PDB file of N, CA and C in Angstrom:
ATOM      1  N   MET A   1     115.994 -22.547 182.039  1.00  0.00           N
ATOM      2  CA  MET A   1     115.232 -23.448 181.231  1.00  0.00           C
ATOM      3  C   MET A   1     114.414 -22.601 180.262  1.00  0.00           C
ATOM      4  N   ALA A   2     114.318 -23.076 179.042  1.00  0.00           N
ATOM      5  CA  ALA A   2     113.479 -22.437 178.032  1.00  0.00           C
ATOM      6  C   ALA A   2     112.793 -23.531 177.231  1.00  0.00           C
ATOM      7  N   ASP A   3     111.587 -23.269 176.786  1.00  0.00           N
ATOM      8  CA  ASP A   3     110.873 -24.283 176.016  1.00  0.00           C
ATOM      9  C   ASP A   3     111.129 -24.166 174.520  1.00  0.00           C
ATOM     10  N   ARG A   4     111.842 -23.122 174.096  1.00  0.00           N
ATOM     11  CA  ARG A   4     112.157 -22.922 172.684  1.00  0.00           C
ATOM     12  C   ARG A   4     113.612 -22.477 172.548  1.00  0.00           C
ATOM     13  N   CYS A   5     114.272 -22.920 171.496  1.00  0.00           N
ATOM     14  CA  CYS A   5     115.668 -22.532 171.272  1.00  0.00           C
ATOM     15  C   CYS A   5     115.823 -21.061 170.919  1.00  0.00           C
ATOM     16  N   ASP A   6     114.759 -20.438 170.378  1.00  0.00           N
ATOM     17  CA  ASP A   6     114.857 -19.010 170.053  1.00  0.00           C
ATOM     18  C   ASP A   6     114.501 -18.133 171.254  1.00  0.00           C
ATOM     19  N   LEU A   7     114.195 -18.749 172.375  1.00  0.00           N
ATOM     20  CA  LEU A   7     113.935 -18.096 173.657  1.00  0.00           C
ATOM     21  C   LEU A   7     112.749 -17.129 173.612  1.00  0.00           C
ATOM     22  N   ALA A   8     111.864 -17.315 172.626  1.00  0.00           N
ATOM     23  CA  ALA A   8     110.735 -16.408 172.423  1.00  0.00           C
ATOM     24  C   ALA A   8     109.764 -16.389 173.606  1.00  0.00           C
ATOM     25  N   ASN A   9     109.671 -17.489 174.340  1.00  0.00           N
ATOM     26  CA  ASN A   9     108.765 -17.551 175.494  1.00  0.00           C
ATOM     27  C   ASN A   9     109.470 -17.256 176.804  1.00  0.00           C
ATOM     28  N   GLY A  10     110.689 -16.773 176.729  1.00  0.00           N
ATOM     29  CA  GLY A  10     111.444 -16.418 177.919  1.00  0.00           C
ATOM     30  C   GLY A  10     112.304 -17.547 178.455  1.00  0.00           C
ATOM     31  N   VAL A  11     113.040 -17.207 179.489  1.00  0.00           N
ATOM     32  CA  VAL A  11     113.966 -18.144 180.127  1.00  0.00           C
ATOM     33  C   VAL A  11     113.732 -18.088 181.631  1.00  0.00           C
ATOM     34  N   GLU A  12     113.547 -19.245 182.242  1.00  0.00           N
ATOM     35  CA  GLU A  12     113.439 -19.318 183.701  1.00  0.00           C
ATOM     36  C   GLU A  12     114.819 -19.631 184.257  1.00  0.00           C
ATOM     37  N   VAL A  13     115.279 -18.769 185.142  1.00  0.00           N
ATOM     38  CA  VAL A  13     116.625 -18.889 185.701  1.00  0.00           C
ATOM     39  C   VAL A  13     116.517 -19.131 187.195  1.00  0.00           C
ATOM     40  N   GLU A  14     117.191 -20.170 187.677  1.00  0.00           N
ATOM     41  CA  GLU A  14     117.243 -20.417 189.109  1.00  0.00           C
ATOM     42  C   GLU A  14     118.474 -19.732 189.677  1.00  0.00           C
ATOM     43  N   LYS A  15     118.270 -18.913 190.701  1.00  0.00           N
ATOM     44  CA  LYS A  15     119.377 -18.215 191.367  1.00  0.00           C
ATOM     45  C   LYS A  15     119.575 -18.848 192.736  1.00  0.00           C
ATOM     46  N   PRO A  16     120.663 -19.599 192.909  1.00  0.00           N
ATOM     47  CA  PRO A  16     120.903 -20.265 194.186  1.00  0.00           C
ATOM     48  C   PRO A  16     121.130 -19.272 195.316  1.00  0.00           C
ATOM     49  N   GLU A  17     120.706 -19.646 196.495  1.00  0.00           N
ATOM     50  CA  GLU A  17     120.946 -18.829 197.679  1.00  0.00           C
ATOM     51  C   GLU A  17     122.442 -18.756 197.930  1.00  0.00           C
ATOM     52  N   GLY A  18     122.936 -17.594 198.279  1.00  0.00           N
ATOM     53  CA  GLY A  18     124.347 -17.446 198.629  1.00  0.00           C
ATOM     54  C   GLY A  18     125.255 -17.101 197.466  1.00  0.00           C
ATOM     55  N   ILE A  19     124.747 -17.063 196.255  1.00  0.00           N
ATOM     56  CA  ILE A  19     125.581 -16.720 195.114  1.00  0.00           C
ATOM     57  C   ILE A  19     125.786 -15.202 195.103  1.00  0.00           C
ATOM     58  N   THR A  20     126.985 -14.768 194.740  1.00  0.00           N
ATOM     59  CA  THR A  20     127.245 -13.329 194.697  1.00  0.00           C
ATOM     60  C   THR A  20     126.675 -12.738 193.401  1.00  0.00           C
ATOM     61  N   GLU A  21     126.493 -11.431 193.394  1.00  0.00           N
ATOM     62  CA  GLU A  21     126.007 -10.760 192.184  1.00  0.00           C
ATOM     63  C   GLU A  21     126.991 -10.961 191.043  1.00  0.00           C
ATOM     64  N   SER A  22     128.290 -10.946 191.345  1.00  0.00           N
ATOM     65  CA  SER A  22     129.323 -11.158 190.336  1.00  0.00           C
ATOM     66  C   SER A  22     129.234 -12.563 189.735  1.00  0.00           C
ATOM     67  N   GLN A  23     129.053 -13.564 190.579  1.00  0.00           N
ATOM     68  CA  GLN A  23     128.911 -14.940 190.097  1.00  0.00           C
ATOM     69  C   GLN A  23     127.657 -15.096 189.244  1.00  0.00           C
ATOM     70  N   TYR A  24     126.575 -14.460 189.682  1.00  0.00           N
ATOM     71  CA  TYR A  24     125.312 -14.534 188.947  1.00  0.00           C
ATOM     72  C   TYR A  24     125.452 -13.876 187.576  1.00  0.00           C
ATOM     73  N   ALA A  25     126.080 -12.714 187.533  1.00  0.00           N
ATOM     74  CA  ALA A  25     126.302 -12.026 186.259  1.00  0.00           C
ATOM     75  C   ALA A  25     127.178 -12.866 185.335  1.00  0.00           C
ATOM     76  N   SER A  26     128.198 -13.508 185.885  1.00  0.00           N
ATOM     77  CA  SER A  26     129.066 -14.374 185.086  1.00  0.00           C
ATOM     78  C   SER A  26     128.298 -15.545 184.499  1.00  0.00           C
ATOM     79  N   ASP A  27     127.402 -16.131 185.289  1.00  0.00           N
ATOM     80  CA  ASP A  27     126.581 -17.243 184.816  1.00  0.00           C
ATOM     81  C   ASP A  27     125.692 -16.822 183.648  1.00  0.00           C
ATOM     82  N   LEU A  28     125.073 -15.636 183.760  1.00  0.00           N
ATOM     83  CA  LEU A  28     124.209 -15.154 182.688  1.00  0.00           C
ATOM     84  C   LEU A  28     125.013 -14.836 181.428  1.00  0.00           C
ATOM     85  N   ALA A  29     126.211 -14.269 181.610  1.00  0.00           N
ATOM     86  CA  ALA A  29     127.072 -13.987 180.462  1.00  0.00           C
ATOM     87  C   ALA A  29     127.490 -15.282 179.766  1.00  0.00           C
ATOM     88  N   GLU A  30     127.812 -16.301 180.541  1.00  0.00           N
ATOM     89  CA  GLU A  30     128.202 -17.591 179.961  1.00  0.00           C
ATOM     90  C   GLU A  30     127.038 -18.218 179.193  1.00  0.00           C
ATOM     91  N   PHE A  31     125.825 -18.097 179.741  1.00  0.00           N
ATOM     92  CA  PHE A  31     124.644 -18.594 179.040  1.00  0.00           C
ATOM     93  C   PHE A  31     124.496 -17.915 177.685  1.00  0.00           C
ATOM     94  N   GLY A  32     124.614 -16.583 177.657  1.00  0.00           N
ATOM     95  CA  GLY A  32     124.472 -15.843 176.409  1.00  0.00           C
ATOM     96  C   GLY A  32     125.534 -16.214 175.394  1.00  0.00           C
ATOM     97  N   ALA A  33     126.764 -16.362 175.852  1.00  0.00           N
ATOM     98  CA  ALA A  33     127.861 -16.744 174.960  1.00  0.00           C
ATOM     99  C   ALA A  33     127.649 -18.148 174.406  1.00  0.00           C
ATOM    100  N   PHE A  34     127.243 -19.088 175.252  1.00  0.00           N
ATOM    101  CA  PHE A  34     126.990 -20.455 174.786  1.00  0.00           C
ATOM    102  C   PHE A  34     125.897 -20.462 173.726  1.00  0.00           C
ATOM    103  N   HIS A  35     124.803 -19.758 173.985  1.00  0.00           N
ATOM    104  CA  HIS A  35     123.695 -19.710 173.039  1.00  0.00           C
ATOM    105  C   HIS A  35     124.154 -19.092 171.716  1.00  0.00           C
ATOM    106  N   ALA A  36     124.908 -17.998 171.791  1.00  0.00           N
ATOM    107  CA  ALA A  36     125.372 -17.311 170.590  1.00  0.00           C
ATOM    108  C   ALA A  36     126.298 -18.186 169.751  1.00  0.00           C
ATOM    109  N   LEU A  37     127.150 -18.956 170.406  1.00  0.00           N
ATOM    110  CA  LEU A  37     128.135 -19.762 169.684  1.00  0.00           C
ATOM    111  C   LEU A  37     127.622 -21.120 169.226  1.00  0.00           C
ATOM    112  N   ASN A  38     126.618 -21.668 169.912  1.00  0.00           N
ATOM    113  CA  ASN A  38     126.205 -23.039 169.629  1.00  0.00           C
ATOM    114  C   ASN A  38     124.780 -23.201 169.114  1.00  0.00           C
ATOM    115  N   ILE A  39     123.924 -22.248 169.342  1.00  0.00           N
ATOM    116  CA  ILE A  39     122.508 -22.425 168.989  1.00  0.00           C
ATOM    117  C   ILE A  39     122.028 -21.402 167.972  1.00  0.00           C
ATOM    118  N   ARG A  40     122.376 -20.145 168.188  1.00  0.00           N
ATOM    119  CA  ARG A  40     121.844 -19.058 167.365  1.00  0.00           C
ATOM    120  C   ARG A  40     122.019 -19.303 165.867  1.00  0.00           C
ATOM    121  N   GLU A  41     123.166 -19.804 165.446  1.00  0.00           N
ATOM    122  CA  GLU A  41     123.430 -20.002 164.022  1.00  0.00           C
ATOM    123  C   GLU A  41     122.476 -21.009 163.375  1.00  0.00           C
ATOM    124  N   HIS A  42     121.831 -21.845 164.162  1.00  0.00           N
ATOM    125  CA  HIS A  42     120.922 -22.858 163.635  1.00  0.00           C
ATOM    126  C   HIS A  42     119.463 -22.398 163.600  1.00  0.00           C
ATOM    127  N   LEU A  43     119.209 -21.198 164.083  1.00  0.00           N
ATOM    128  CA  LEU A  43     117.841 -20.697 164.143  1.00  0.00           C
ATOM    129  C   LEU A  43     117.460 -20.003 162.836  1.00  0.00           C
ATOM    130  N   ASN A  44     116.195 -20.112 162.474  1.00  0.00           N
ATOM    131  CA  ASN A  44     115.689 -19.452 161.276  1.00  0.00           C
ATOM    132  C   ASN A  44     115.200 -18.043 161.585  1.00  0.00           C
ATOM    133  N   GLY A  45     115.126 -17.711 162.837  1.00  0.00           N
ATOM    134  CA  GLY A  45     114.717 -16.389 163.264  1.00  0.00           C
ATOM    135  C   GLY A  45     115.021 -16.210 164.733  1.00  0.00           C
ATOM    136  N   PHE A  46     115.486 -15.032 165.075  1.00  0.00           N
ATOM    137  CA  PHE A  46     115.823 -14.753 166.473  1.00  0.00           C
ATOM    138  C   PHE A  46     115.665 -13.257 166.672  1.00  0.00           C
ATOM    139  N   SER A  47     114.899 -12.864 167.667  1.00  0.00           N
ATOM    140  CA  SER A  47     114.591 -11.450 167.862  1.00  0.00           C
ATOM    141  C   SER A  47     115.698 -10.690 168.593  1.00  0.00           C
ATOM    142  N   GLY A  48     116.715 -11.361 169.073  1.00  0.00           N
ATOM    143  CA  GLY A  48     117.845 -10.705 169.715  1.00  0.00           C
ATOM    144  C   GLY A  48     117.873 -10.885 171.218  1.00  0.00           C
ATOM    145  N   TYR A  49     119.050 -10.757 171.767  1.00  0.00           N
ATOM    146  CA  TYR A  49     119.239 -10.980 173.195  1.00  0.00           C
ATOM    147  C   TYR A  49     118.581  -9.898 174.048  1.00  0.00           C
ATOM    148  N   ASP A  50     118.347  -8.735 173.483  1.00  0.00           N
ATOM    149  CA  ASP A  50     117.691  -7.681 174.245  1.00  0.00           C
ATOM    150  C   ASP A  50     116.187  -7.900 174.375  1.00  0.00           C
ATOM    151  N   ASN A  51     115.659  -8.925 173.715  1.00  0.00           N
ATOM    152  CA  ASN A  51     114.228  -9.228 173.780  1.00  0.00           C
ATOM    153  C   ASN A  51     113.899 -10.445 174.640  1.00  0.00           C
ATOM    154  N   ILE A  52     114.877 -10.987 175.328  1.00  0.00           N
ATOM    155  CA  ILE A  52     114.643 -12.156 176.165  1.00  0.00           C
ATOM    156  C   ILE A  52     114.032 -11.725 177.495  1.00  0.00           C
ATOM    157  N   ASP A  53     112.975 -12.412 177.894  1.00  0.00           N
ATOM    158  CA  ASP A  53     112.332 -12.166 179.185  1.00  0.00           C
ATOM    159  C   ASP A  53     112.878 -13.196 180.174  1.00  0.00           C
ATOM    160  N   PHE A  54     113.682 -12.741 181.138  1.00  0.00           N
ATOM    161  CA  PHE A  54     114.237 -13.623 182.152  1.00  0.00           C
ATOM    162  C   PHE A  54     113.329 -13.617 183.372  1.00  0.00           C
ATOM    163  N   ASN A  55     112.916 -14.799 183.807  1.00  0.00           N
ATOM    164  CA  ASN A  55     112.135 -14.962 185.029  1.00  0.00           C
ATOM    165  C   ASN A  55     113.060 -15.596 186.065  1.00  0.00           C
ATOM    166  N   VAL A  56     113.472 -14.805 187.050  1.00  0.00           N
ATOM    167  CA  VAL A  56     114.438 -15.278 188.054  1.00  0.00           C
ATOM    168  C   VAL A  56     113.685 -15.867 189.239  1.00  0.00           C
ATOM    169  N   VAL A  57     114.062 -17.102 189.600  1.00  0.00           N
ATOM    170  CA  VAL A  57     113.462 -17.816 190.721  1.00  0.00           C
ATOM    171  C   VAL A  57     114.582 -18.095 191.726  1.00  0.00           C
ATOM    172  N   SER A  58     114.438 -17.622 192.946  1.00  0.00           N
ATOM    173  CA  SER A  58     115.424 -17.898 193.986  1.00  0.00           C
ATOM    174  C   SER A  58     115.232 -19.302 194.519  1.00  0.00           C
ATOM    175  N   VAL A  59     116.337 -20.015 194.663  1.00  0.00           N
ATOM    176  CA  VAL A  59     116.303 -21.396 195.143  1.00  0.00           C
ATOM    177  C   VAL A  59     117.066 -21.459 196.469  1.00  0.00           C
ATOM    178  N   GLU A  60     116.427 -22.009 197.479  1.00  0.00           N
ATOM    179  CA  GLU A  60     117.071 -22.148 198.804  1.00  0.00           C
ATOM    180  C   GLU A  60     117.729 -23.482 198.937  1.00  0.00           C
TER     181      GLU A  60
END
């Protein structure tokens, strides 16, 4: 979840219990690809994917 499309305030990510590291990495890659293909082009400014602050929350 993010409160801004440019992700300037970070992204809160829920990590389900029992998910493998490979599955988790795939989920994050899919998120980045979706954002790049569907949202980024509509932004007037974006600081880049290397500037995103991910807050990971484990969910049981």
